Amino acid sequence: MDELKQMREGIAKEYGIALFRAYSEPEAAFFLQRDVSTLKRMRRAGKVPYTALGERQIRYLGIHIVDLILKGDKWRDISDVNSA
């Protein structure tokens, strides 16, 4: 898993993502190079990890964004440090 950690840190550094910071939906969409409406559809379909801070406050941890950049829809295959 050391290789995975290095890859995550490299991607985070390149994109300017703090791994354990919570990002808003527009910020996450920017990093993922997706439209906000596309990210919302993906979230509602259960295709992306997120944290709900109430009904209208959705946040994405930096590590989840990095995993999505790294693995795309196969982010669930990464078992190390993912939080639900």
C-alpha atoms as a PDB file:
ATOM      1  CA  MET A   1       0.000   0.000   0.000  1.00  0.00           C
ATOM      2  CA  ASP A   2       3.014   2.281   0.205  1.00  0.00           C
ATOM      3  CA  GLU A   3       2.888   2.699  -3.576  1.00  0.00           C
ATOM      4  CA  LEU A   4      -0.784   3.728  -3.382  1.00  0.00           C
ATOM      5  CA  LYS A   5       0.031   6.299  -0.706  1.00  0.00           C
ATOM      6  CA  GLN A   6       2.795   7.765  -2.869  1.00  0.00           C
ATOM      7  CA  MET A   7       0.485   7.937  -5.884  1.00  0.00           C
ATOM      8  CA  ARG A   8      -2.202   9.687  -3.831  1.00  0.00           C
ATOM      9  CA  GLU A   9       0.268  12.203  -2.451  1.00  0.00           C
ATOM     10  CA  GLY A  10       1.669  12.872  -5.928  1.00  0.00           C
ATOM     11  CA  ILE A  11      -1.765  13.499  -7.423  1.00  0.00           C
ATOM     12  CA  ALA A  12      -2.755  15.672  -4.461  1.00  0.00           C
ATOM     13  CA  LYS A  13       0.393  17.764  -4.844  1.00  0.00           C
ATOM     14  CA  GLU A  14      -0.036  18.149  -8.607  1.00  0.00           C
ATOM     15  CA  TYR A  15      -3.688  19.227  -8.335  1.00  0.00           C
ATOM     16  CA  GLY A  16      -3.248  21.247  -5.149  1.00  0.00           C
ATOM     17  CA  ILE A  17      -5.616  19.062  -3.124  1.00  0.00           C
ATOM     18  CA  ALA A  18      -5.335  18.707   0.658  1.00  0.00           C
ATOM     19  CA  LEU A  19      -6.088  15.027   1.314  1.00  0.00           C
ATOM     20  CA  PHE A  20      -8.139  15.486   4.474  1.00  0.00           C
ATOM     21  CA  ARG A  21      -9.847  18.775   3.687  1.00  0.00           C
ATOM     22  CA  ALA A  22     -13.573  18.835   2.906  1.00  0.00           C
ATOM     23  CA  TYR A  23     -14.371  20.404  -0.477  1.00  0.00           C
ATOM     24  CA  SER A  24     -17.706  21.730  -1.726  1.00  0.00           C
ATOM     25  CA  GLU A  25     -19.445  20.183  -4.721  1.00  0.00           C
ATOM     26  CA  PRO A  26     -18.317  22.941  -7.133  1.00  0.00           C
ATOM     27  CA  GLU A  27     -14.717  22.614  -5.908  1.00  0.00           C
ATOM     28  CA  ALA A  28     -14.783  18.816  -6.302  1.00  0.00           C
ATOM     29  CA  ALA A  29     -16.317  19.131  -9.778  1.00  0.00           C
ATOM     30  CA  PHE A  30     -13.502  21.508 -10.743  1.00  0.00           C
ATOM     31  CA  PHE A  31     -10.799  19.053  -9.621  1.00  0.00           C
ATOM     32  CA  LEU A  32     -12.555  16.147 -11.346  1.00  0.00           C
ATOM     33  CA  GLN A  33     -13.078  18.206 -14.523  1.00  0.00           C
ATOM     34  CA  ARG A  34     -16.795  17.466 -14.477  1.00  0.00           C
ATOM     35  CA  ASP A  35     -19.860  19.656 -14.520  1.00  0.00           C
ATOM     36  CA  VAL A  36     -21.502  20.125 -11.099  1.00  0.00           C
ATOM     37  CA  SER A  37     -24.729  18.549 -12.408  1.00  0.00           C
ATOM     38  CA  THR A  38     -22.766  15.484 -13.558  1.00  0.00           C
ATOM     39  CA  LEU A  39     -21.145  15.147 -10.137  1.00  0.00           C
ATOM     40  CA  LYS A  40     -24.575  15.448  -8.476  1.00  0.00           C
ATOM     41  CA  ARG A  41     -25.935  12.664 -10.715  1.00  0.00           C
ATOM     42  CA  MET A  42     -22.935  10.490  -9.878  1.00  0.00           C
ATOM     43  CA  ARG A  43     -23.443  11.155  -6.141  1.00  0.00           C
ATOM     44  CA  ARG A  44     -27.157  10.333  -6.267  1.00  0.00           C
ATOM     45  CA  ALA A  45     -26.375   7.105  -8.138  1.00  0.00           C
ATOM     46  CA  GLY A  46     -23.865   6.107  -5.442  1.00  0.00           C
ATOM     47  CA  LYS A  47     -20.892   6.304  -7.793  1.00  0.00           C
ATOM     48  CA  VAL A  48     -18.840   8.757  -5.711  1.00  0.00           C
ATOM     49  CA  PRO A  49     -18.042   8.931  -1.987  1.00  0.00           C
ATOM     50  CA  TYR A  50     -19.210  12.037  -0.134  1.00  0.00           C
ATOM     51  CA  THR A  51     -20.066  13.412   3.274  1.00  0.00           C
ATOM     52  CA  ALA A  52     -23.465  14.953   3.983  1.00  0.00           C
ATOM     53  CA  LEU A  53     -23.446  17.804   6.488  1.00  0.00           C
ATOM     54  CA  GLY A  54     -27.181  18.248   6.378  1.00  0.00           C
ATOM     55  CA  GLU A  55     -29.673  18.108   3.556  1.00  0.00           C
ATOM     56  CA  ARG A  56     -28.012  20.691   1.338  1.00  0.00           C
ATOM     57  CA  GLN A  57     -24.395  20.678   2.458  1.00  0.00           C
ATOM     58  CA  ILE A  58     -22.449  18.027   0.572  1.00  0.00           C
ATOM     59  CA  ARG A  59     -18.696  17.772   1.009  1.00  0.00           C
ATOM     60  CA  TYR A  60     -16.033  15.625  -0.611  1.00  0.00           C
ATOM     61  CA  LEU A  61     -12.822  14.747   1.209  1.00  0.00           C
ATOM     62  CA  GLY A  62      -9.656  15.443  -0.711  1.00  0.00           C
ATOM     63  CA  ILE A  63      -8.639  11.791  -0.466  1.00  0.00           C
ATOM     64  CA  HIS A  64     -11.911  10.775  -2.141  1.00  0.00           C
ATOM     65  CA  ILE A  65     -11.327  13.262  -4.948  1.00  0.00           C
ATOM     66  CA  VAL A  66      -7.793  11.926  -5.421  1.00  0.00           C
ATOM     67  CA  ASP A  67      -9.116   8.340  -5.493  1.00  0.00           C
ATOM     68  CA  LEU A  68     -11.652   9.340  -8.147  1.00  0.00           C
ATOM     69  CA  ILE A  69      -8.903  10.939 -10.231  1.00  0.00           C
ATOM     70  CA  LEU A  70      -6.733   7.850  -9.712  1.00  0.00           C
ATOM     71  CA  LYS A  71      -9.293   5.096 -10.261  1.00  0.00           C
ATOM     72  CA  GLY A  72     -12.459   6.729 -11.616  1.00  0.00           C
ATOM     73  CA  ASP A  73     -15.544   4.572 -11.029  1.00  0.00           C
ATOM     74  CA  LYS A  74     -13.359   1.819  -9.549  1.00  0.00           C
ATOM     75  CA  TRP A  75     -12.609   3.910  -6.411  1.00  0.00           C
ATOM     76  CA  ARG A  76     -14.305   1.229  -4.271  1.00  0.00           C
ATOM     77  CA  ASP A  77     -11.428  -1.123  -5.071  1.00  0.00           C
ATOM     78  CA  ILE A  78      -9.111   1.093  -3.015  1.00  0.00           C
ATOM     79  CA  SER A  79      -9.591  -0.191   0.538  1.00  0.00           C
ATOM     80  CA  ASP A  80      -6.896   1.853   2.288  1.00  0.00           C
ATOM     81  CA  VAL A  81      -8.089   4.982   4.209  1.00  0.00           C
ATOM     82  CA  ASN A  82     -11.458   5.345   2.424  1.00  0.00           C
ATOM     83  CA  SER A  83     -14.153   6.602   4.740  1.00  0.00           C
ATOM     84  CA  ALA A  84     -17.857   6.211   4.150  1.00  0.00           C
END
